[in-house]
Structures are given as structure tokens and as C-alpha cells.
Amino acid sequence: MDLLVPDVRLARVAPRIIDATGRYSSPLNGVVRTVSRPGDRWGMRLDYENLQDQDRARMEAFVLQLRGAANRAILGPRDWKQRGSFDTAELAPNNSFNLGTNNWTATGATFTAADRIARVANSGAAAGRITSDAITIVSGQSYAVRALSIPGNVSNWKFAVGTTAGASDYIASTPTNQDQLATSTFTASGTVAYISLYCNTSVSGDFVYFSLVSLTRCGLVNGGAQTGSVIKCDAMGASGTSVLLPGDWVSIGGELKRVTVPLDVNSSNAYISVSPPMRTSPGDNTPVINKYPTGRFIMSGNESGWQTEPGRFATSSFDLVEAV
């Protein structure tokens, strides 16, 4: 199951690269030989200090839900500000439900929100949904939609994007596993979009939870079967220089990468240089996401916990390793 790392204030974060390189040092002359294979990945140590009340409860619940290495943590960089000019605006209103039910309208559903988790329950014998307020987009540009659900009492859910409330002409509403971050893309043909999140049944009382929904500009991988550290992309907008700069982060095919060379765009085509290299080849039109890019991580060990000063503070530290 995929779980979003709560947006609780971090005391420290320590990223590290775990390489896939073998080393051999000759005992005779000290010459070192190396053999490298695809598989470099990120490790992240997260330190939280002096957590109180809601923040403490949210982090402790998150650690319990991970169940050691059984589930996956959806995590992006927390110590970074993009340097390049590519658009990083979050377009989905109230996208983490921190404002409760604001900016979303229920249809055929009972809709509540607490602790940044939305609950959508069918109120009758029809698939209930919530739909965002109108979102302004730019015709001809490519967009990525991401949504994450926490299991309710049904096995999957649906989401759609359209030019009117409840429509699916941009992204069709197909069943999606409750326990995985769902990502889809569309190219705008108009200037308005609506996102709908559905309970995927017609049974009164069936419900699902949602912890995140996101709509942002994105690039697209141009051609399949690409590997290594340089990926050809398009849909990056008009020609320009410094669209992304060294140190900027992106996610491609669920893998978290850092840009290593300034990215220039020529007639929408671009070659993005990243590190670590791709572990798996992304498919054609896979989104290149640079607004809160994320990877999927697991606990590096089988034990996790926290320290508590009763009635005062809680402190927690844990190590995550990028995984499939």
C-alpha cells in the first residue's frame, strides 16, 4: 500500500545515494576496478523533533501504517527550491484537504474531511463523487493528475478529469487500486478542467478515503525503451533556456531524479540529464513531474518507533530506501 508521508515539520533530512557498483582492489598493486549496473537509488533519513498534538499523532499513525517494510512511503524532497523556469504551480484547489471540504462539491455522496483525509461515501444507489471547483488550464499544454486513496470498504476507486463537472473527456474514469498512487496525463483542448474522485460502486454506504489529489504541468517522455541518464522528452512548452537547472528534482515513472545539466528546450523537444540513472525504462508519454516529485520508499529495517516525553513532546527518526 502507498502512503503519503505527512507534511509535518522536519528537523533534518539526510538524502544519500546507494549505488549499484561493485569494487575490486588488487592485493598486488592496489589497482581498483569497478563494475556498475543500473540500480542506484535514494536513501532518506528523516528526523522529527518536539512534535506535539496533531503532528505527533499523524506521524505515529503513519509509522504504524507502514508496518516496517510491508508498505510504501510516497516521499519527495523537502529541502529544495526549483531554480529552472518550468511551471511548478499546483492547480488542484485544496489538494491535500487541509481546508476541509472547501473547493470540492459532492454529488450522490456524503463528503467529510478531517486530519487532511477526505471520506467519500455513496449516499444512494449510484457511484458517489466529489468534484473540484473549475481549474484554469492552458490549451495545448500537457498536465499530470495524481491521486492517492486509503482503503475504505471497497477494493478500488475511480477518478476522472473533464471540461465540465463530472465529465471524463480528458481522463476517463477507470477503476484504480486503492493502495497505489494513481497518475495519468492529458493534453488540454480548452481552458477549464474539473477533477472528480469517485467511489467505484453503486452500493449505498460504500466509501473510500483520499489523502492527495494534484494537477500540474508536466513534460512527457518522447519514445519508449530509453535507459541511462539522458531521457528525451517533449511537451515542455515553448523553446527556451534554463527550463530546468542542476539540482532541480523530477520524477519519471515513479523514480526520483535530480537534474545534472541545464535543460534547454528546442521546439518542445528536450534531453533531460538526471542522476541516478533510470532503473527501468519509462514508456512513451510517461509524465516528467517537477511539482513535488516523488519516489516510493520502504523502511530500511524491520523496526521503527518514536520517543515520547509524556504530556510534552515526541521525537522520531527513521531511514527510508527507494524501492519499487
Protein backbone atom coordinates (compact mmCIF):
# COMPACT_ATOMS: atom_id res chain seq x y z
CA MET A 1 0.00 0.00 0.00
CA ASP A 2 1.22 3.51 -0.85
CA LEU A 3 1.09 6.05 1.99
CA LEU A 4 1.81 9.77 1.72
CA VAL A 5 4.45 10.96 4.19
CA PRO A 6 2.63 13.58 6.32
CA ASP A 7 3.62 17.20 5.75
CA VAL A 8 4.84 17.56 9.32
CA ARG A 9 7.74 19.90 10.05
CA LEU A 10 11.09 18.14 9.69
CA ALA A 11 14.04 18.87 11.95
CA ARG A 12 16.52 17.34 9.49
CA VAL A 13 16.55 15.30 6.30
CA ALA A 14 19.64 13.49 5.04
CA PRO A 15 19.44 12.26 1.41
CA ARG A 16 22.05 9.76 0.24
CA ILE A 17 22.77 7.74 -2.88
CA ILE A 18 23.02 3.96 -2.62
CA ASP A 19 24.97 2.86 -5.68
CA ALA A 20 24.96 -0.44 -7.57
CA THR A 21 28.70 -0.58 -8.20
CA GLY A 22 30.97 -3.49 -7.37
CA ARG A 23 34.57 -2.74 -6.37
CA TYR A 24 37.66 -4.93 -6.55
CA SER A 25 41.06 -3.84 -5.25
CA SER A 26 44.07 -5.90 -6.37
CA PRO A 27 46.12 -7.13 -3.38
CA LEU A 28 49.22 -6.97 -5.58
CA ASN A 29 49.32 -3.42 -6.90
CA GLY A 30 46.29 -1.73 -5.33
CA VAL A 31 44.61 -1.06 -8.67
CA VAL A 32 40.85 -0.67 -8.17
CA ARG A 33 38.39 -1.97 -10.73
CA THR A 34 34.70 -1.15 -10.68
CA VAL A 35 31.66 -2.62 -12.40
CA SER A 36 28.47 -0.58 -12.35
CA ARG A 37 24.95 -1.80 -13.03
CA PRO A 38 21.61 0.03 -13.14
CA GLY A 39 20.00 0.22 -9.74
CA ASP A 40 21.32 3.34 -7.97
CA ARG A 41 18.63 4.62 -5.63
CA TRP A 42 17.94 7.19 -2.96
CA GLY A 43 18.05 6.74 0.77
CA MET A 44 16.46 9.32 3.07
CA ARG A 45 16.88 9.74 6.81
CA LEU A 46 14.07 11.80 8.34
CA ASP A 47 14.40 13.36 11.79
CA TYR A 48 11.42 14.84 13.63
CA GLU A 49 11.77 16.64 16.95
CA ASN A 50 9.43 18.21 19.51
CA LEU A 51 6.24 17.05 17.83
CA GLN A 52 3.04 17.85 19.69
CA ASP A 53 -0.68 17.12 19.45
CA GLN A 54 -1.85 16.68 15.83
CA ASP A 55 1.63 16.44 14.29
CA ARG A 56 2.70 13.79 16.79
CA ALA A 57 -0.48 11.77 16.24
CA ARG A 58 -0.21 11.95 12.43
CA MET A 59 3.43 10.80 12.39
CA GLU A 60 2.85 7.96 14.84
CA ALA A 61 -0.15 6.75 12.81
CA PHE A 62 1.94 6.94 9.62
CA VAL A 63 4.76 4.83 11.12
CA LEU A 64 2.22 2.25 12.27
CA GLN A 65 0.60 2.11 8.81
CA LEU A 66 3.95 1.45 7.13
CA ARG A 67 4.25 -1.83 9.07
CA GLY A 68 8.02 -1.84 8.71
CA ALA A 69 8.89 -2.68 5.10
CA ALA A 70 5.43 -4.04 4.24
CA ASN A 71 4.04 -0.81 2.75
CA ARG A 72 5.48 2.03 0.68
CA ALA A 73 6.03 5.68 1.63
CA ILE A 74 5.40 8.32 -1.06
CA LEU A 75 8.07 10.94 -0.42
CA GLY A 76 9.50 13.91 -2.25
CA PRO A 77 12.38 16.27 -1.47
CA ARG A 78 11.74 18.68 1.38
CA ASP A 79 14.90 20.80 1.23
CA TRP A 80 14.73 22.25 -2.27
CA LYS A 81 13.51 25.23 -4.28
CA GLN A 82 13.42 24.85 -8.05
CA ARG A 83 15.89 27.00 -9.96
CA GLY A 84 14.65 26.46 -13.53
CA SER A 85 11.74 28.28 -15.17
CA PHE A 86 9.38 25.33 -15.79
CA ASP A 87 5.91 25.94 -14.31
CA THR A 88 5.58 24.39 -10.83
CA ALA A 89 2.17 25.72 -9.82
CA GLU A 90 -0.21 23.32 -8.02
CA LEU A 91 -3.55 23.81 -9.77
CA ALA A 92 -5.85 21.49 -7.81
CA PRO A 93 -7.64 23.53 -5.12
CA ASN A 94 -7.36 22.31 -1.53
CA ASN A 95 -5.38 19.38 -2.88
CA SER A 96 -4.48 17.84 0.49
CA PHE A 97 -7.85 18.61 2.11
CA ASN A 98 -6.17 20.72 4.78
CA LEU A 99 -9.04 23.19 4.28
CA GLY A 100 -11.65 20.53 4.96
CA THR A 101 -14.30 20.21 2.25
CA ASN A 102 -13.68 23.64 0.68
CA ASN A 103 -13.41 23.82 -3.14
CA TRP A 104 -14.99 20.37 -3.64
CA THR A 105 -18.67 19.56 -4.29
CA ALA A 106 -20.29 16.22 -3.50
CA THR A 107 -22.71 14.55 -5.92
CA GLY A 108 -24.58 11.45 -4.77
CA ALA A 109 -22.18 11.24 -1.85
CA THR A 110 -21.65 12.19 1.76
CA PHE A 111 -18.37 14.11 1.94
CA THR A 112 -16.38 14.82 5.09
CA ALA A 113 -12.74 15.72 5.75
CA ALA A 114 -10.62 15.52 8.90
CA ASP A 115 -6.87 15.46 9.55
CA ARG A 116 -6.26 16.07 5.81
CA ILE A 117 -8.12 12.93 4.78
CA ALA A 118 -11.34 13.11 2.74
CA ARG A 119 -14.08 10.49 3.08
CA VAL A 120 -16.47 9.95 0.16
CA ALA A 121 -19.44 7.65 0.80
CA ASN A 122 -22.28 6.81 -1.58
CA SER A 123 -25.48 8.38 -0.33
CA GLY A 124 -27.69 6.28 -2.62
CA ALA A 125 -27.66 3.52 -5.22
CA ALA A 126 -25.23 5.34 -7.51
CA ALA A 127 -21.50 5.95 -7.64
CA GLY A 128 -20.90 8.98 -5.45
CA ARG A 129 -18.23 11.53 -6.28
CA ILE A 130 -16.67 14.80 -5.29
CA THR A 131 -15.70 17.32 -7.96
CA SER A 132 -13.26 20.20 -7.72
CA ASP A 133 -14.03 23.80 -8.47
CA ALA A 134 -13.20 24.90 -12.01
CA ILE A 135 -9.43 24.89 -12.66
CA THR A 136 -7.88 27.24 -15.20
CA ILE A 137 -5.54 25.49 -17.66
CA VAL A 138 -3.84 26.40 -20.95
CA SER A 139 -4.97 24.81 -24.20
CA GLY A 140 -2.29 22.69 -25.89
CA GLN A 141 -0.25 22.08 -22.74
CA SER A 142 0.24 18.71 -21.04
CA TYR A 143 -0.85 18.06 -17.47
CA ALA A 144 -0.30 15.31 -14.90
CA VAL A 145 -3.01 14.27 -12.46
CA ARG A 146 -2.11 12.31 -9.33
CA ALA A 147 -4.41 10.95 -6.66
CA LEU A 148 -3.88 8.71 -3.64
CA SER A 149 -6.53 6.79 -1.75
CA ILE A 150 -6.52 4.97 1.58
CA PRO A 151 -8.60 1.76 1.59
CA GLY A 152 -12.21 2.10 2.65
CA ASN A 153 -14.65 -0.81 2.43
CA VAL A 154 -14.29 -1.35 -1.34
CA SER A 155 -11.31 -2.65 -3.32
CA ASN A 156 -10.88 0.19 -5.82
CA TRP A 157 -11.98 3.68 -6.79
CA LYS A 158 -12.11 5.90 -9.89
CA PHE A 159 -11.09 9.37 -10.92
CA ALA A 160 -11.82 11.46 -13.99
CA VAL A 161 -10.93 14.83 -15.49
CA GLY A 162 -13.18 16.71 -17.88
CA THR A 163 -14.13 20.04 -19.34
CA THR A 164 -17.32 20.18 -17.22
CA ALA A 165 -18.16 18.97 -13.70
CA GLY A 166 -18.37 15.16 -13.66
CA ALA A 167 -17.13 14.81 -17.26
CA SER A 168 -14.36 12.44 -18.34
CA ASP A 169 -13.34 13.74 -21.77
CA TYR A 170 -9.75 14.42 -20.62
CA ILE A 171 -9.22 11.35 -18.42
CA ALA A 172 -11.77 8.52 -18.38
CA SER A 173 -12.90 7.12 -15.04
CA THR A 174 -11.42 3.62 -14.88
CA PRO A 175 -11.09 1.50 -11.71
CA THR A 176 -7.92 2.20 -9.74
CA ASN A 177 -6.40 0.16 -6.92
CA GLN A 178 -6.98 1.83 -3.58
CA ASP A 179 -3.48 1.12 -2.36
CA GLN A 180 -1.45 2.78 -5.13
CA LEU A 181 -0.65 6.33 -6.18
CA ALA A 182 -2.52 6.82 -9.46
CA THR A 183 -1.01 9.02 -12.17
CA SER A 184 -2.44 9.98 -15.56
CA THR A 185 -1.90 12.71 -18.14
CA PHE A 186 -3.87 14.72 -20.68
CA THR A 187 -3.30 17.48 -23.20
CA ALA A 188 -5.68 20.38 -22.76
CA SER A 189 -8.00 21.32 -25.61
CA GLY A 190 -9.73 24.04 -23.61
CA THR A 191 -9.08 26.41 -20.72
CA VAL A 192 -11.03 24.79 -17.86
CA ALA A 193 -10.78 21.40 -16.14
CA TYR A 194 -12.64 19.65 -13.31
CA ILE A 195 -11.31 16.70 -11.28
CA SER A 196 -13.76 14.09 -9.98
CA LEU A 197 -13.00 11.43 -7.36
CA TYR A 198 -15.45 8.52 -7.27
CA CYS A 199 -16.41 5.64 -5.07
CA ASN A 200 -16.32 2.79 -7.61
CA THR A 201 -19.60 1.08 -6.63
CA SER A 202 -23.33 1.72 -6.76
CA VAL A 203 -23.99 0.48 -3.23
CA SER A 204 -25.34 2.93 -0.68
CA GLY A 205 -22.88 3.40 2.19
CA ASP A 206 -19.76 2.19 0.34
CA PHE A 207 -16.90 4.60 0.95
CA VAL A 208 -13.28 5.46 0.13
CA TYR A 209 -10.70 7.86 1.60
CA PHE A 210 -8.46 10.29 -0.28
CA SER A 211 -5.28 11.89 1.06
CA LEU A 212 -3.97 13.70 -2.02
CA VAL A 213 -5.00 14.99 -5.44
CA SER A 214 -2.74 17.04 -7.69
CA LEU A 215 -2.92 18.71 -11.10
CA THR A 216 0.26 20.25 -12.50
CA ARG A 217 2.04 20.95 -15.76
CA CYS A 218 4.37 18.18 -16.92
CA GLY A 219 6.66 17.10 -19.70
CA LEU A 220 6.31 13.73 -21.45
CA VAL A 221 8.88 11.07 -22.26
CA ASN A 222 9.37 11.10 -26.04
CA GLY A 223 9.74 7.45 -27.10
CA GLY A 224 9.99 4.19 -25.19
CA ALA A 225 12.97 1.91 -24.48
CA GLN A 226 15.12 4.74 -23.09
CA THR A 227 17.63 3.96 -20.38
CA GLY A 228 20.53 5.61 -18.64
CA SER A 229 20.96 9.20 -17.51
CA VAL A 230 19.66 11.14 -20.53
CA ILE A 231 15.96 10.98 -21.39
CA LYS A 232 14.38 12.60 -24.45
CA CYS A 233 11.17 14.46 -23.64
CA ASP A 234 8.63 16.74 -25.26
CA ALA A 235 5.58 18.80 -24.20
CA MET A 236 7.93 21.05 -22.22
CA GLY A 237 6.41 24.24 -23.63
CA ALA A 238 7.92 26.85 -25.91
CA SER A 239 11.60 26.87 -26.79
CA GLY A 240 13.76 28.36 -24.09
CA THR A 241 16.86 28.02 -21.95
CA SER A 242 17.32 27.08 -18.30
CA VAL A 243 13.92 25.38 -18.16
CA LEU A 244 15.45 23.12 -15.51
CA LEU A 245 18.79 23.70 -13.82
CA PRO A 246 21.26 21.43 -11.98
CA GLY A 247 19.87 20.45 -8.60
CA ASP A 248 16.21 20.58 -9.67
CA TRP A 249 14.24 17.41 -8.90
CA VAL A 250 11.89 15.45 -11.18
CA SER A 251 10.11 12.13 -11.03
CA ILE A 252 9.89 9.88 -14.09
CA GLY A 253 7.98 6.62 -13.99
CA GLY A 254 7.80 6.75 -10.21
CA GLU A 255 11.58 7.16 -9.85
CA LEU A 256 13.00 10.23 -8.09
CA LYS A 257 15.79 12.00 -10.02
CA ARG A 258 17.91 15.12 -9.80
CA VAL A 259 18.79 17.23 -12.85
CA THR A 260 22.54 17.44 -13.52
CA VAL A 261 22.80 19.63 -16.68
CA PRO A 262 20.88 22.80 -17.62
CA LEU A 263 17.85 21.88 -19.73
CA ASP A 264 17.19 23.82 -22.92
CA VAL A 265 14.02 23.25 -24.96
CA ASN A 266 14.05 23.37 -28.76
CA SER A 267 10.63 23.21 -30.48
CA SER A 268 9.21 21.39 -27.44
CA ASN A 269 11.89 18.66 -27.55
CA ALA A 270 14.38 18.36 -24.72
CA TYR A 271 17.00 15.97 -23.35
CA ILE A 272 16.94 15.80 -19.56
CA SER A 273 20.15 14.67 -17.86
CA VAL A 274 19.43 13.10 -14.48
CA SER A 275 21.03 11.17 -11.67
CA PRO A 276 20.72 8.45 -10.56
CA PRO A 277 20.22 6.75 -13.96
CA MET A 278 16.84 5.22 -14.74
CA ARG A 279 16.42 1.79 -13.14
CA THR A 280 13.64 0.83 -15.55
CA SER A 281 12.80 2.16 -19.00
CA PRO A 282 9.83 4.58 -18.89
CA GLY A 283 7.13 4.15 -21.52
CA ASP A 284 6.39 6.67 -24.24
CA ASN A 285 4.42 9.66 -22.84
CA THR A 286 5.31 8.86 -19.22
CA PRO A 287 4.98 12.18 -17.35
CA VAL A 288 8.04 14.10 -16.20
CA ILE A 289 6.83 15.72 -12.98
CA ASN A 290 8.64 18.55 -11.23
CA LYS A 291 5.95 19.84 -8.83
CA TYR A 292 6.50 17.82 -5.65
CA PRO A 293 8.21 14.95 -7.50
CA THR A 294 8.02 11.74 -5.50
CA GLY A 295 9.52 8.30 -5.21
CA ARG A 296 8.31 5.13 -3.48
CA PHE A 297 10.29 4.22 -0.37
CA ILE A 298 10.36 1.46 2.22
CA MET A 299 11.76 1.33 5.73
CA SER A 300 15.38 0.18 5.65
CA GLY A 301 14.81 -2.10 8.66
CA ASN A 302 12.07 -4.11 10.32
CA GLU A 303 11.78 -1.97 13.43
CA SER A 304 10.51 1.59 13.74
CA GLY A 305 9.22 3.75 16.58
CA TRP A 306 9.50 7.04 18.43
CA GLN A 307 10.48 8.59 21.75
CA THR A 308 7.90 10.38 23.87
CA GLU A 309 8.13 12.69 26.84
CA PRO A 310 4.67 12.03 28.31
CA GLY A 311 2.43 15.05 28.09
CA ARG A 312 5.06 17.07 26.23
CA PHE A 313 6.89 16.10 23.02
CA ALA A 314 7.62 13.19 20.72
CA THR A 315 10.79 12.59 18.68
CA SER A 316 11.07 10.21 15.76
CA SER A 317 13.81 9.24 13.30
CA PHE A 318 13.70 6.65 10.57
CA ASP A 319 15.50 5.60 7.40
CA LEU A 320 13.79 5.07 4.06
CA VAL A 321 15.21 3.46 0.90
CA GLU A 322 13.77 3.96 -2.57
CA ALA A 323 12.03 0.84 -3.83
CA VAL A 324 9.56 -0.35 -6.47
